[in-house]
Amino acid sequence: MNGLEKIKKFLEEIKDEDVIFKLHFYERTADRPISEELVRRSIKNTTNLLKAEEQPARRFEENKYKLWIKLSNKYCLVLVIVIKGKTLYIITGWNSDTKWLKK
């Protein structure tokens, strides 16, 4: 099973109470057209998960990823997440034009 498939399986099985939004997410969404509800809905719909890029984590027991989730033909939701055990931390997120994903 590759990395993208592992992420999809984790997102499909996660419970709502195990998704935690960090303060940084709320600080940034004041300037961005995304919401907690949009993120919760998008992470459950794993068929729209286009790409998962592993990033260096701060702690040994954590796995950090940058995810691209298709919102429409023009826009993607980009999320930076950390997985620690059975908990998913949403660090930040933003909308991105899909043209950037193709480059």
N, C-alpha and C. Protein backbone atom coordinates (compact mmCIF):
# COMPACT_ATOMS: atom_id res chain seq x y z
N MET A 1 0.86 -1.19 0.00
CA MET A 1 0.00 0.00 0.00
C MET A 1 0.90 1.24 0.00
N ASN A 2 0.68 2.13 -0.97
CA ASN A 2 1.52 3.34 -1.04
C ASN A 2 1.05 4.40 -0.04
N GLY A 3 1.79 5.51 0.04
CA GLY A 3 1.49 6.56 1.01
C GLY A 3 0.11 7.18 0.84
N LEU A 4 -0.30 7.42 -0.40
CA LEU A 4 -1.60 8.03 -0.65
C LEU A 4 -2.73 7.11 -0.19
N GLU A 5 -2.58 5.83 -0.44
CA GLU A 5 -3.61 4.86 -0.02
C GLU A 5 -3.69 4.77 1.51
N LYS A 6 -2.54 4.85 2.18
CA LYS A 6 -2.54 4.81 3.66
C LYS A 6 -3.26 6.03 4.23
N ILE A 7 -3.01 7.20 3.62
CA ILE A 7 -3.67 8.43 4.07
C ILE A 7 -5.18 8.32 3.86
N LYS A 8 -5.60 7.84 2.69
CA LYS A 8 -7.03 7.68 2.40
C LYS A 8 -7.69 6.77 3.42
N LYS A 9 -7.06 5.65 3.72
CA LYS A 9 -7.62 4.70 4.68
C LYS A 9 -7.73 5.34 6.06
N PHE A 10 -6.70 6.09 6.47
CA PHE A 10 -6.72 6.76 7.77
C PHE A 10 -7.87 7.78 7.82
N LEU A 11 -8.03 8.58 6.77
CA LEU A 11 -9.07 9.61 6.74
C LEU A 11 -10.47 9.01 6.73
N GLU A 12 -10.64 7.90 6.07
CA GLU A 12 -11.95 7.24 6.02
C GLU A 12 -12.35 6.70 7.38
N GLU A 13 -11.38 6.27 8.18
CA GLU A 13 -11.67 5.63 9.46
C GLU A 13 -11.67 6.59 10.65
N ILE A 14 -11.20 7.80 10.49
CA ILE A 14 -11.06 8.72 11.62
C ILE A 14 -12.43 9.20 12.12
N LYS A 15 -12.53 9.35 13.41
CA LYS A 15 -13.75 9.86 14.03
C LYS A 15 -13.67 11.38 14.12
N ASP A 16 -14.83 12.05 14.09
CA ASP A 16 -14.86 13.51 14.15
C ASP A 16 -14.17 14.08 15.38
N GLU A 17 -14.31 13.39 16.52
CA GLU A 17 -13.71 13.91 17.76
C GLU A 17 -12.18 13.77 17.76
N ASP A 18 -11.62 13.01 16.81
CA ASP A 18 -10.17 12.85 16.72
C ASP A 18 -9.53 13.82 15.72
N VAL A 19 -10.33 14.74 15.19
CA VAL A 19 -9.81 15.78 14.29
C VAL A 19 -9.70 17.07 15.10
N ILE A 20 -8.49 17.57 15.22
CA ILE A 20 -8.23 18.76 16.04
C ILE A 20 -7.66 19.85 15.15
N PHE A 21 -8.26 21.02 15.23
CA PHE A 21 -7.80 22.18 14.47
C PHE A 21 -6.90 23.03 15.35
N LYS A 22 -5.70 23.31 14.87
CA LYS A 22 -4.74 24.10 15.63
C LYS A 22 -5.10 25.59 15.53
N LEU A 23 -4.63 26.36 16.48
CA LEU A 23 -4.89 27.80 16.52
C LEU A 23 -4.42 28.48 15.23
N HIS A 24 -3.31 28.03 14.68
CA HIS A 24 -2.78 28.59 13.44
C HIS A 24 -3.81 28.51 12.31
N PHE A 25 -4.57 27.41 12.25
CA PHE A 25 -5.61 27.25 11.23
C PHE A 25 -6.63 28.37 11.34
N TYR A 26 -7.12 28.61 12.56
CA TYR A 26 -8.14 29.64 12.76
C TYR A 26 -7.59 31.04 12.48
N GLU A 27 -6.34 31.28 12.82
CA GLU A 27 -5.72 32.59 12.55
C GLU A 27 -5.64 32.84 11.06
N ARG A 28 -5.32 31.83 10.29
CA ARG A 28 -5.17 31.99 8.85
C ARG A 28 -6.51 32.01 8.10
N THR A 29 -7.51 31.30 8.59
CA THR A 29 -8.78 31.26 7.86
C THR A 29 -9.54 32.58 7.93
N ALA A 30 -9.14 33.47 8.81
CA ALA A 30 -9.76 34.80 8.83
C ALA A 30 -9.50 35.52 7.50
N ASP A 31 -8.38 35.18 6.85
CA ASP A 31 -8.00 35.81 5.58
C ASP A 31 -8.28 34.94 4.36
N ARG A 32 -8.74 33.73 4.60
CA ARG A 32 -8.92 32.78 3.50
C ARG A 32 -10.35 32.26 3.43
N PRO A 33 -10.83 31.96 2.23
CA PRO A 33 -12.23 31.52 2.09
C PRO A 33 -12.43 30.03 2.37
N ILE A 34 -11.96 29.55 3.52
CA ILE A 34 -12.20 28.17 3.91
C ILE A 34 -12.71 28.15 5.35
N SER A 35 -13.32 27.05 5.71
CA SER A 35 -13.88 26.93 7.06
C SER A 35 -13.60 25.54 7.62
N GLU A 36 -13.83 25.39 8.91
CA GLU A 36 -13.68 24.10 9.56
C GLU A 36 -14.63 23.08 8.94
N GLU A 37 -15.85 23.51 8.66
CA GLU A 37 -16.85 22.62 8.07
C GLU A 37 -16.40 22.11 6.70
N LEU A 38 -15.85 23.00 5.87
CA LEU A 38 -15.35 22.61 4.55
C LEU A 38 -14.23 21.58 4.69
N VAL A 39 -13.34 21.78 5.61
CA VAL A 39 -12.23 20.85 5.81
C VAL A 39 -12.74 19.50 6.28
N ARG A 40 -13.64 19.50 7.26
CA ARG A 40 -14.18 18.23 7.77
C ARG A 40 -14.88 17.44 6.66
N ARG A 41 -15.64 18.13 5.84
CA ARG A 41 -16.35 17.48 4.73
C ARG A 41 -15.36 16.95 3.69
N SER A 42 -14.35 17.73 3.40
CA SER A 42 -13.39 17.38 2.35
C SER A 42 -12.49 16.20 2.72
N ILE A 43 -12.08 16.13 3.98
CA ILE A 43 -11.18 15.03 4.36
C ILE A 43 -11.92 13.69 4.39
N LYS A 44 -13.22 13.72 4.58
CA LYS A 44 -13.99 12.47 4.57
C LYS A 44 -14.24 11.95 3.15
N ASN A 45 -14.23 12.85 2.18
CA ASN A 45 -14.46 12.47 0.78
C ASN A 45 -13.10 12.17 0.14
N THR A 46 -12.57 10.98 0.40
CA THR A 46 -11.21 10.66 -0.03
C THR A 46 -11.08 10.42 -1.54
N THR A 47 -12.19 10.31 -2.24
CA THR A 47 -12.09 10.15 -3.70
C THR A 47 -11.53 11.41 -4.34
N ASN A 48 -11.65 12.55 -3.65
CA ASN A 48 -11.14 13.81 -4.18
C ASN A 48 -9.71 14.11 -3.73
N LEU A 49 -9.09 13.21 -2.97
CA LEU A 49 -7.71 13.40 -2.54
C LEU A 49 -6.80 13.14 -3.73
N LEU A 50 -6.13 14.18 -4.20
CA LEU A 50 -5.32 14.08 -5.40
C LEU A 50 -3.87 13.70 -5.13
N LYS A 51 -3.32 14.26 -4.05
CA LYS A 51 -1.89 14.09 -3.80
C LYS A 51 -1.61 14.22 -2.31
N ALA A 52 -0.64 13.47 -1.82
CA ALA A 52 -0.18 13.58 -0.44
C ALA A 52 1.34 13.60 -0.47
N GLU A 53 1.90 14.67 0.07
CA GLU A 53 3.35 14.83 0.08
C GLU A 53 3.83 14.78 1.52
N GLU A 54 4.71 13.84 1.83
CA GLU A 54 5.24 13.73 3.19
C GLU A 54 6.21 14.87 3.45
N GLN A 55 6.15 15.42 4.66
CA GLN A 55 7.01 16.52 5.05
C GLN A 55 7.73 16.15 6.34
N PRO A 56 8.84 16.83 6.64
CA PRO A 56 9.54 16.53 7.89
C PRO A 56 8.70 16.91 9.11
N ALA A 57 8.57 15.99 10.05
CA ALA A 57 7.80 16.23 11.27
C ALA A 57 8.74 16.71 12.37
N ARG A 58 8.19 17.41 13.34
CA ARG A 58 8.99 17.92 14.46
C ARG A 58 9.33 16.83 15.47
N ARG A 59 8.44 15.88 15.63
CA ARG A 59 8.63 14.82 16.63
C ARG A 59 8.67 13.45 15.96
N PHE A 60 9.36 12.54 16.60
CA PHE A 60 9.55 11.20 16.06
C PHE A 60 8.23 10.46 15.84
N GLU A 61 7.28 10.61 16.76
CA GLU A 61 6.03 9.85 16.71
C GLU A 61 4.97 10.47 15.79
N GLU A 62 5.31 11.55 15.11
CA GLU A 62 4.36 12.25 14.23
C GLU A 62 4.69 12.00 12.76
N ASN A 63 3.65 12.07 11.94
CA ASN A 63 3.81 12.06 10.48
C ASN A 63 3.12 13.30 9.95
N LYS A 64 3.84 14.07 9.16
CA LYS A 64 3.32 15.34 8.64
C LYS A 64 3.17 15.23 7.13
N TYR A 65 2.04 15.75 6.63
CA TYR A 65 1.75 15.68 5.20
C TYR A 65 1.14 16.99 4.70
N LYS A 66 1.34 17.21 3.42
CA LYS A 66 0.64 18.27 2.70
C LYS A 66 -0.29 17.55 1.74
N LEU A 67 -1.59 17.85 1.85
CA LEU A 67 -2.60 17.19 1.03
C LEU A 67 -3.22 18.16 0.04
N TRP A 68 -3.54 17.66 -1.14
CA TRP A 68 -4.29 18.41 -2.14
C TRP A 68 -5.60 17.69 -2.35
N ILE A 69 -6.70 18.39 -2.09
CA ILE A 69 -8.04 17.82 -2.21
C ILE A 69 -8.81 18.63 -3.25
N LYS A 70 -9.36 17.94 -4.23
CA LYS A 70 -10.09 18.62 -5.31
C LYS A 70 -11.41 19.16 -4.78
N LEU A 71 -11.62 20.47 -4.98
CA LEU A 71 -12.90 21.10 -4.63
C LEU A 71 -13.77 21.28 -5.86
N SER A 72 -13.14 21.63 -6.97
CA SER A 72 -13.85 21.84 -8.24
C SER A 72 -12.82 21.64 -9.36
N ASN A 73 -13.23 21.89 -10.59
CA ASN A 73 -12.29 21.78 -11.70
C ASN A 73 -11.21 22.86 -11.64
N LYS A 74 -11.48 23.93 -10.93
CA LYS A 74 -10.54 25.04 -10.89
C LYS A 74 -9.74 25.12 -9.58
N TYR A 75 -10.32 24.67 -8.47
CA TYR A 75 -9.68 24.88 -7.17
C TYR A 75 -9.43 23.59 -6.40
N CYS A 76 -8.35 23.62 -5.63
CA CYS A 76 -8.00 22.55 -4.70
C CYS A 76 -7.93 23.14 -3.30
N LEU A 77 -8.18 22.31 -2.32
CA LEU A 77 -7.96 22.67 -0.93
C LEU A 77 -6.63 22.04 -0.56
N VAL A 78 -5.70 22.87 -0.10
CA VAL A 78 -4.39 22.39 0.34
C VAL A 78 -4.38 22.41 1.86
N LEU A 79 -4.06 21.27 2.47
CA LEU A 79 -4.02 21.16 3.92
C LEU A 79 -2.67 20.65 4.37
N VAL A 80 -2.17 21.23 5.45
CA VAL A 80 -0.99 20.69 6.12
C VAL A 80 -1.51 20.03 7.39
N ILE A 81 -1.24 18.73 7.50
CA ILE A 81 -1.78 17.94 8.62
C ILE A 81 -0.65 17.21 9.34
N VAL A 82 -0.93 16.84 10.58
CA VAL A 82 -0.03 15.98 11.34
C VAL A 82 -0.87 14.84 11.89
N ILE A 83 -0.36 13.63 11.72
CA ILE A 83 -1.01 12.43 12.26
C ILE A 83 -0.15 11.93 13.41
N LYS A 84 -0.77 11.83 14.57
CA LYS A 84 -0.08 11.32 15.76
C LYS A 84 -0.99 10.29 16.39
N GLY A 85 -0.62 9.03 16.27
CA GLY A 85 -1.48 7.95 16.76
C GLY A 85 -2.77 7.91 15.95
N LYS A 86 -3.90 8.06 16.65
CA LYS A 86 -5.21 8.06 15.99
C LYS A 86 -5.79 9.46 15.89
N THR A 87 -4.96 10.48 16.10
CA THR A 87 -5.42 11.87 16.08
C THR A 87 -4.89 12.56 14.83
N LEU A 88 -5.76 13.37 14.24
CA LEU A 88 -5.41 14.16 13.07
C LEU A 88 -5.42 15.63 13.47
N TYR A 89 -4.31 16.30 13.31
CA TYR A 89 -4.21 17.73 13.59
C TYR A 89 -4.18 18.48 12.28
N ILE A 90 -5.09 19.43 12.14
CA ILE A 90 -5.10 20.30 10.96
C ILE A 90 -4.30 21.54 11.32
N ILE A 91 -3.14 21.70 10.70
CA ILE A 91 -2.25 22.82 11.01
C ILE A 91 -2.70 24.08 10.29
N THR A 92 -2.87 23.98 8.99
CA THR A 92 -3.31 25.13 8.20
C THR A 92 -3.92 24.64 6.90
N GLY A 93 -4.53 25.55 6.16
CA GLY A 93 -5.13 25.20 4.88
C GLY A 93 -5.40 26.44 4.05
N TRP A 94 -5.50 26.25 2.73
CA TRP A 94 -5.80 27.34 1.82
C TRP A 94 -6.33 26.78 0.50
N ASN A 95 -6.96 27.64 -0.27
CA ASN A 95 -7.42 27.29 -1.62
C ASN A 95 -6.28 27.55 -2.59
N SER A 96 -6.19 26.71 -3.60
CA SER A 96 -5.15 26.88 -4.61
C SER A 96 -5.75 26.59 -5.98
N ASP A 97 -5.27 27.29 -6.96
CA ASP A 97 -5.68 27.04 -8.34
C ASP A 97 -5.08 25.71 -8.78
N THR A 98 -5.82 24.88 -9.48
CA THR A 98 -5.33 23.56 -9.88
C THR A 98 -4.19 23.65 -10.89
N LYS A 99 -3.98 24.79 -11.51
CA LYS A 99 -2.85 24.95 -12.43
C LYS A 99 -1.54 24.72 -11.71
N TRP A 100 -1.44 25.12 -10.45
CA TRP A 100 -0.22 24.95 -9.66
C TRP A 100 0.07 23.49 -9.43
N LEU A 101 -0.96 22.67 -9.28
CA LEU A 101 -0.77 21.25 -9.01
C LEU A 101 -0.14 20.55 -10.21
N LYS A 102 -0.47 21.00 -11.40
CA LYS A 102 0.03 20.35 -12.61
C LYS A 102 1.49 20.64 -12.88
N LYS A 103 2.05 21.68 -12.29
CA LYS A 103 3.45 22.06 -12.57
C LYS A 103 4.43 21.19 -11.85
